Amino acid sequence: MIRPNHATALSIPPGHVGPMVLPGTGRPIYWTGRIAIGLRHERPVHTQEVSHSTLWVQRLMLNR
């Protein structure tokens, strides 16, 4: 069991090597047996549609 300096402990089964998910964050990691690699920042997916006025201004500026 790994005990980081902060509040929660990460429980890794003995002998496990492979992908895992950090509890509480949902972030994927790859456990090598000694260290975790593969943490990466992913930008949130924007689900808002672009407004017509935004598209109009974009076309106006790109046509110059």
PDB file of N, CA and C in Angstrom:
ATOM      1  N   MET A   1       0.840  -1.182   0.000  1.00  0.00           N
ATOM      2  CA  MET A   1       0.000   0.000   0.000  1.00  0.00           C
ATOM      3  C   MET A   1       0.884   1.245   0.000  1.00  0.00           C
ATOM      4  N   ILE A   2       0.574   2.191  -0.863  1.00  0.00           N
ATOM      5  CA  ILE A   2       1.307   3.455  -0.931  1.00  0.00           C
ATOM      6  C   ILE A   2       0.550   4.487  -0.107  1.00  0.00           C
ATOM      7  N   ARG A   3       1.268   5.213   0.689  1.00  0.00           N
ATOM      8  CA  ARG A   3       0.651   6.259   1.493  1.00  0.00           C
ATOM      9  C   ARG A   3       1.271   7.598   1.131  1.00  0.00           C
ATOM     10  N   PRO A   4       0.574   8.373   0.266  1.00  0.00           N
ATOM     11  CA  PRO A   4       1.096   9.699  -0.081  1.00  0.00           C
ATOM     12  C   PRO A   4       1.033  10.639   1.116  1.00  0.00           C
ATOM     13  N   ASN A   5       1.654  11.790   0.978  1.00  0.00           N
ATOM     14  CA  ASN A   5       1.698  12.760   2.072  1.00  0.00           C
ATOM     15  C   ASN A   5       0.346  13.382   2.377  1.00  0.00           C
ATOM     16  N   HIS A   6      -0.611  13.230   1.478  1.00  0.00           N
ATOM     17  CA  HIS A   6      -1.915  13.822   1.753  1.00  0.00           C
ATOM     18  C   HIS A   6      -2.909  12.776   2.237  1.00  0.00           C
ATOM     19  N   ALA A   7      -4.157  13.137   2.335  1.00  0.00           N
ATOM     20  CA  ALA A   7      -5.178  12.424   3.095  1.00  0.00           C
ATOM     21  C   ALA A   7      -5.402  10.945   2.753  1.00  0.00           C
ATOM     22  N   THR A   8      -5.637  10.592   1.509  1.00  0.00           N
ATOM     23  CA  THR A   8      -6.063   9.223   1.221  1.00  0.00           C
ATOM     24  C   THR A   8      -4.908   8.342   0.778  1.00  0.00           C
ATOM     25  N   ALA A   9      -5.054   7.051   1.050  1.00  0.00           N
ATOM     26  CA  ALA A   9      -4.054   6.071   0.641  1.00  0.00           C
ATOM     27  C   ALA A   9      -4.513   5.395  -0.645  1.00  0.00           C
ATOM     28  N   LEU A  10      -3.578   5.039  -1.488  1.00  0.00           N
ATOM     29  CA  LEU A  10      -3.865   4.349  -2.736  1.00  0.00           C
ATOM     30  C   LEU A  10      -3.574   2.875  -2.522  1.00  0.00           C
ATOM     31  N   SER A  11      -4.599   2.060  -2.615  1.00  0.00           N
ATOM     32  CA  SER A  11      -4.445   0.636  -2.379  1.00  0.00           C
ATOM     33  C   SER A  11      -4.168  -0.070  -3.699  1.00  0.00           C
ATOM     34  N   ILE A  12      -2.974  -0.666  -3.812  1.00  0.00           N
ATOM     35  CA  ILE A  12      -2.577  -1.380  -5.024  1.00  0.00           C
ATOM     36  C   ILE A  12      -2.346  -2.839  -4.642  1.00  0.00           C
ATOM     37  N   PRO A  13      -3.050  -3.760  -5.313  1.00  0.00           N
ATOM     38  CA  PRO A  13      -2.857  -5.169  -4.992  1.00  0.00           C
ATOM     39  C   PRO A  13      -1.407  -5.598  -5.220  1.00  0.00           C
ATOM     40  N   PRO A  14      -0.864  -6.452  -4.400  1.00  0.00           N
ATOM     41  CA  PRO A  14       0.518  -6.917  -4.574  1.00  0.00           C
ATOM     42  C   PRO A  14       0.706  -7.569  -5.947  1.00  0.00           C
ATOM     43  N   GLY A  15       1.783  -7.201  -6.626  1.00  0.00           N
ATOM     44  CA  GLY A  15       2.105  -7.774  -7.930  1.00  0.00           C
ATOM     45  C   GLY A  15       1.365  -7.155  -9.105  1.00  0.00           C
ATOM     46  N   HIS A  16       0.496  -6.166  -8.840  1.00  0.00           N
ATOM     47  CA  HIS A  16      -0.261  -5.554  -9.937  1.00  0.00           C
ATOM     48  C   HIS A  16       0.647  -4.689 -10.802  1.00  0.00           C
ATOM     49  N   VAL A  17       0.561  -4.873 -12.099  1.00  0.00           N
ATOM     50  CA  VAL A  17       1.217  -4.016 -13.086  1.00  0.00           C
ATOM     51  C   VAL A  17       0.182  -3.763 -14.158  1.00  0.00           C
ATOM     52  N   GLY A  18      -0.089  -2.478 -14.434  1.00  0.00           N
ATOM     53  CA  GLY A  18      -1.061  -2.163 -15.472  1.00  0.00           C
ATOM     54  C   GLY A  18      -1.873  -0.931 -15.149  1.00  0.00           C
ATOM     55  N   PRO A  19      -2.921  -0.716 -15.941  1.00  0.00           N
ATOM     56  CA  PRO A  19      -3.731   0.499 -15.774  1.00  0.00           C
ATOM     57  C   PRO A  19      -4.543   0.474 -14.487  1.00  0.00           C
ATOM     58  N   MET A  20      -4.713   1.665 -13.937  1.00  0.00           N
ATOM     59  CA  MET A  20      -5.520   1.868 -12.733  1.00  0.00           C
ATOM     60  C   MET A  20      -6.186   3.223 -12.846  1.00  0.00           C
ATOM     61  N   VAL A  21      -7.097   3.497 -11.947  1.00  0.00           N
ATOM     62  CA  VAL A  21      -7.753   4.798 -11.870  1.00  0.00           C
ATOM     63  C   VAL A  21      -7.556   5.332 -10.461  1.00  0.00           C
ATOM     64  N   LEU A  22      -7.134   6.585 -10.356  1.00  0.00           N
ATOM     65  CA  LEU A  22      -6.951   7.194  -9.036  1.00  0.00           C
ATOM     66  C   LEU A  22      -8.310   7.427  -8.394  1.00  0.00           C
ATOM     67  N   PRO A  23      -8.514   6.922  -7.194  1.00  0.00           N
ATOM     68  CA  PRO A  23      -9.804   7.122  -6.538  1.00  0.00           C
ATOM     69  C   PRO A  23     -10.039   8.595  -6.227  1.00  0.00           C
ATOM     70  N   GLY A  24     -11.271   9.010  -6.405  1.00  0.00           N
ATOM     71  CA  GLY A  24     -11.636  10.388  -6.109  1.00  0.00           C
ATOM     72  C   GLY A  24     -11.455  11.345  -7.271  1.00  0.00           C
ATOM     73  N   THR A  25     -10.520  11.042  -8.181  1.00  0.00           N
ATOM     74  CA  THR A  25     -10.298  11.928  -9.315  1.00  0.00           C
ATOM     75  C   THR A  25     -10.706  11.294 -10.633  1.00  0.00           C
ATOM     76  N   GLY A  26     -10.647   9.964 -10.706  1.00  0.00           N
ATOM     77  CA  GLY A  26     -10.971   9.276 -11.944  1.00  0.00           C
ATOM     78  C   GLY A  26      -9.868   9.338 -12.981  1.00  0.00           C
ATOM     79  N   ARG A  27      -8.710   9.852 -12.595  1.00  0.00           N
ATOM     80  CA  ARG A  27      -7.604   9.979 -13.544  1.00  0.00           C
ATOM     81  C   ARG A  27      -6.938   8.630 -13.791  1.00  0.00           C
ATOM     82  N   PRO A  28      -6.692   8.310 -15.071  1.00  0.00           N
ATOM     83  CA  PRO A  28      -6.033   7.047 -15.377  1.00  0.00           C
ATOM     84  C   PRO A  28      -4.526   7.124 -15.143  1.00  0.00           C
ATOM     85  N   ILE A  29      -3.970   6.048 -14.607  1.00  0.00           N
ATOM     86  CA  ILE A  29      -2.526   5.936 -14.432  1.00  0.00           C
ATOM     87  C   ILE A  29      -2.106   4.545 -14.898  1.00  0.00           C
ATOM     88  N   TYR A  30      -0.830   4.361 -15.074  1.00  0.00           N
ATOM     89  CA  TYR A  30      -0.287   3.041 -15.362  1.00  0.00           C
ATOM     90  C   TYR A  30       0.690   2.717 -14.245  1.00  0.00           C
ATOM     91  N   TRP A  31       0.403   1.673 -13.490  1.00  0.00           N
ATOM     92  CA  TRP A  31       1.257   1.276 -12.384  1.00  0.00           C
ATOM     93  C   TRP A  31       2.313   0.312 -12.903  1.00  0.00           C
ATOM     94  N   THR A  32       3.596   0.679 -12.739  1.00  0.00           N
ATOM     95  CA  THR A  32       4.695  -0.137 -13.256  1.00  0.00           C
ATOM     96  C   THR A  32       5.179  -1.177 -12.263  1.00  0.00           C
ATOM     97  N   GLY A  33       4.659  -1.134 -11.075  1.00  0.00           N
ATOM     98  CA  GLY A  33       5.136  -2.011 -10.013  1.00  0.00           C
ATOM     99  C   GLY A  33       5.915  -1.236  -8.972  1.00  0.00           C
ATOM    100  N   ARG A  34       6.420  -0.073  -9.374  1.00  0.00           N
ATOM    101  CA  ARG A  34       7.154   0.797  -8.445  1.00  0.00           C
ATOM    102  C   ARG A  34       6.636   2.223  -8.462  1.00  0.00           C
ATOM    103  N   ILE A  35       6.293   2.707  -9.652  1.00  0.00           N
ATOM    104  CA  ILE A  35       5.814   4.087  -9.771  1.00  0.00           C
ATOM    105  C   ILE A  35       4.598   4.136 -10.686  1.00  0.00           C
ATOM    106  N   ALA A  36       3.855   5.218 -10.571  1.00  0.00           N
ATOM    107  CA  ALA A  36       2.704   5.446 -11.443  1.00  0.00           C
ATOM    108  C   ALA A  36       3.120   6.414 -12.543  1.00  0.00           C
ATOM    109  N   ILE A  37       2.801   6.061 -13.774  1.00  0.00           N
ATOM    110  CA  ILE A  37       3.070   6.953 -14.901  1.00  0.00           C
ATOM    111  C   ILE A  37       1.789   7.141 -15.689  1.00  0.00           C
ATOM    112  N   GLY A  38       1.804   8.110 -16.552  1.00  0.00           N
ATOM    113  CA  GLY A  38       0.679   8.292 -17.451  1.00  0.00           C
ATOM    114  C   GLY A  38      -0.325   9.322 -17.010  1.00  0.00           C
ATOM    115  N   LEU A  39      -0.056  10.033 -15.928  1.00  0.00           N
ATOM    116  CA  LEU A  39      -0.971  11.109 -15.567  1.00  0.00           C
ATOM    117  C   LEU A  39      -0.883  12.192 -16.616  1.00  0.00           C
ATOM    118  N   ARG A  40      -1.997  12.616 -17.094  1.00  0.00           N
ATOM    119  CA  ARG A  40      -1.984  13.674 -18.091  1.00  0.00           C
ATOM    120  C   ARG A  40      -3.209  14.556 -17.903  1.00  0.00           C
ATOM    121  N   HIS A  41      -3.025  15.785 -18.278  1.00  0.00           N
ATOM    122  CA  HIS A  41      -4.120  16.732 -18.182  1.00  0.00           C
ATOM    123  C   HIS A  41      -4.947  16.648 -19.453  1.00  0.00           C
ATOM    124  N   GLU A  42      -6.247  16.520 -19.298  1.00  0.00           N
ATOM    125  CA  GLU A  42      -7.139  16.522 -20.448  1.00  0.00           C
ATOM    126  C   GLU A  42      -8.090  17.690 -20.305  1.00  0.00           C
ATOM    127  N   ARG A  43      -8.149  18.505 -21.351  1.00  0.00           N
ATOM    128  CA  ARG A  43      -9.061  19.635 -21.311  1.00  0.00           C
ATOM    129  C   ARG A  43     -10.498  19.136 -21.274  1.00  0.00           C
ATOM    130  N   PRO A  44     -11.358  19.815 -20.538  1.00  0.00           N
ATOM    131  CA  PRO A  44     -12.756  19.396 -20.508  1.00  0.00           C
ATOM    132  C   PRO A  44     -13.398  19.563 -21.880  1.00  0.00           C
ATOM    133  N   VAL A  45     -14.316  18.689 -22.177  1.00  0.00           N
ATOM    134  CA  VAL A  45     -15.030  18.750 -23.450  1.00  0.00           C
ATOM    135  C   VAL A  45     -16.112  19.806 -23.332  1.00  0.00           C
ATOM    136  N   HIS A  46     -16.117  20.733 -24.273  1.00  0.00           N
ATOM    137  CA  HIS A  46     -17.141  21.777 -24.274  1.00  0.00           C
ATOM    138  C   HIS A  46     -18.365  21.262 -25.019  1.00  0.00           C
ATOM    139  N   THR A  47     -19.489  21.288 -24.350  1.00  0.00           N
ATOM    140  CA  THR A  47     -20.708  20.787 -24.967  1.00  0.00           C
ATOM    141  C   THR A  47     -21.624  21.904 -25.450  1.00  0.00           C
ATOM    142  N   GLN A  48     -21.234  23.150 -25.210  1.00  0.00           N
ATOM    143  CA  GLN A  48     -22.063  24.258 -25.660  1.00  0.00           C
ATOM    144  C   GLN A  48     -21.964  24.418 -27.162  1.00  0.00           C
ATOM    145  N   GLU A  49     -23.091  24.741 -27.763  1.00  0.00           N
ATOM    146  CA  GLU A  49     -23.077  25.033 -29.188  1.00  0.00           C
ATOM    147  C   GLU A  49     -22.596  26.462 -29.391  1.00  0.00           C
ATOM    148  N   VAL A  50     -21.981  26.683 -30.536  1.00  0.00           N
ATOM    149  CA  VAL A  50     -21.504  28.022 -30.878  1.00  0.00           C
ATOM    150  C   VAL A  50     -22.693  28.823 -31.400  1.00  0.00           C
ATOM    151  N   SER A  51     -22.834  30.049 -30.909  1.00  0.00           N
ATOM    152  CA  SER A  51     -23.966  30.879 -31.318  1.00  0.00           C
ATOM    153  C   SER A  51     -23.785  31.395 -32.744  1.00  0.00           C
ATOM    154  N   HIS A  52     -24.894  31.775 -33.349  1.00  0.00           N
ATOM    155  CA  HIS A  52     -24.856  32.309 -34.722  1.00  0.00           C
ATOM    156  C   HIS A  52     -24.050  33.604 -34.792  1.00  0.00           C
ATOM    157  N   SER A  53     -24.170  34.432 -33.750  1.00  0.00           N
ATOM    158  CA  SER A  53     -23.429  35.692 -33.763  1.00  0.00           C
ATOM    159  C   SER A  53     -21.922  35.440 -33.681  1.00  0.00           C
ATOM    160  N   THR A  54     -21.524  34.418 -32.946  1.00  0.00           N
ATOM    161  CA  THR A  54     -20.107  34.076 -32.858  1.00  0.00           C
ATOM    162  C   THR A  54     -19.580  33.641 -34.215  1.00  0.00           C
ATOM    163  N   LEU A  55     -20.348  32.812 -34.907  1.00  0.00           N
ATOM    164  CA  LEU A  55     -19.943  32.367 -36.244  1.00  0.00           C
ATOM    165  C   LEU A  55     -19.893  33.536 -37.223  1.00  0.00           C
ATOM    166  N   TRP A  56     -20.834  34.472 -37.098  1.00  0.00           N
ATOM    167  CA  TRP A  56     -20.863  35.638 -37.980  1.00  0.00           C
ATOM    168  C   TRP A  56     -19.609  36.496 -37.775  1.00  0.00           C
ATOM    169  N   VAL A  57     -19.250  36.742 -36.505  1.00  0.00           N
ATOM    170  CA  VAL A  57     -18.058  37.541 -36.209  1.00  0.00           C
ATOM    171  C   VAL A  57     -16.810  36.813 -36.691  1.00  0.00           C
ATOM    172  N   GLN A  58     -16.755  35.513 -36.513  1.00  0.00           N
ATOM    173  CA  GLN A  58     -15.605  34.737 -36.972  1.00  0.00           C
ATOM    174  C   GLN A  58     -15.457  34.821 -38.489  1.00  0.00           C
ATOM    175  N   ARG A  59     -16.553  34.652 -39.207  1.00  0.00           N
ATOM    176  CA  ARG A  59     -16.480  34.770 -40.675  1.00  0.00           C
ATOM    177  C   ARG A  59     -16.057  36.171 -41.098  1.00  0.00           C
ATOM    178  N   LEU A  60     -16.584  37.172 -40.423  1.00  0.00           N
ATOM    179  CA  LEU A  60     -16.253  38.557 -40.730  1.00  0.00           C
ATOM    180  C   LEU A  60     -14.755  38.818 -40.546  1.00  0.00           C
ATOM    181  N   MET A  61     -14.177  38.317 -39.463  1.00  0.00           N
ATOM    182  CA  MET A  61     -12.765  38.558 -39.174  1.00  0.00           C
ATOM    183  C   MET A  61     -11.854  37.730 -40.083  1.00  0.00           C
ATOM    184  N   LEU A  62     -12.250  36.529 -40.442  1.00  0.00           N
ATOM    185  CA  LEU A  62     -11.416  35.694 -41.302  1.00  0.00           C
ATOM    186  C   LEU A  62     -11.433  36.134 -42.753  1.00  0.00           C
ATOM    187  N   ASN A  63     -12.459  36.856 -43.169  1.00  0.00           N
ATOM    188  CA  ASN A  63     -12.552  37.324 -44.551  1.00  0.00           C
ATOM    189  C   ASN A  63     -11.701  38.557 -44.815  1.00  0.00           C
ATOM    190  N   ARG A  64     -11.174  39.167 -43.778  1.00  0.00           N
ATOM    191  CA  ARG A  64     -10.372  40.381 -43.977  1.00  0.00           C
ATOM    192  C   ARG A  64      -9.036  40.041 -44.533  1.00  0.00           C
TER     193      ARG A  64
END
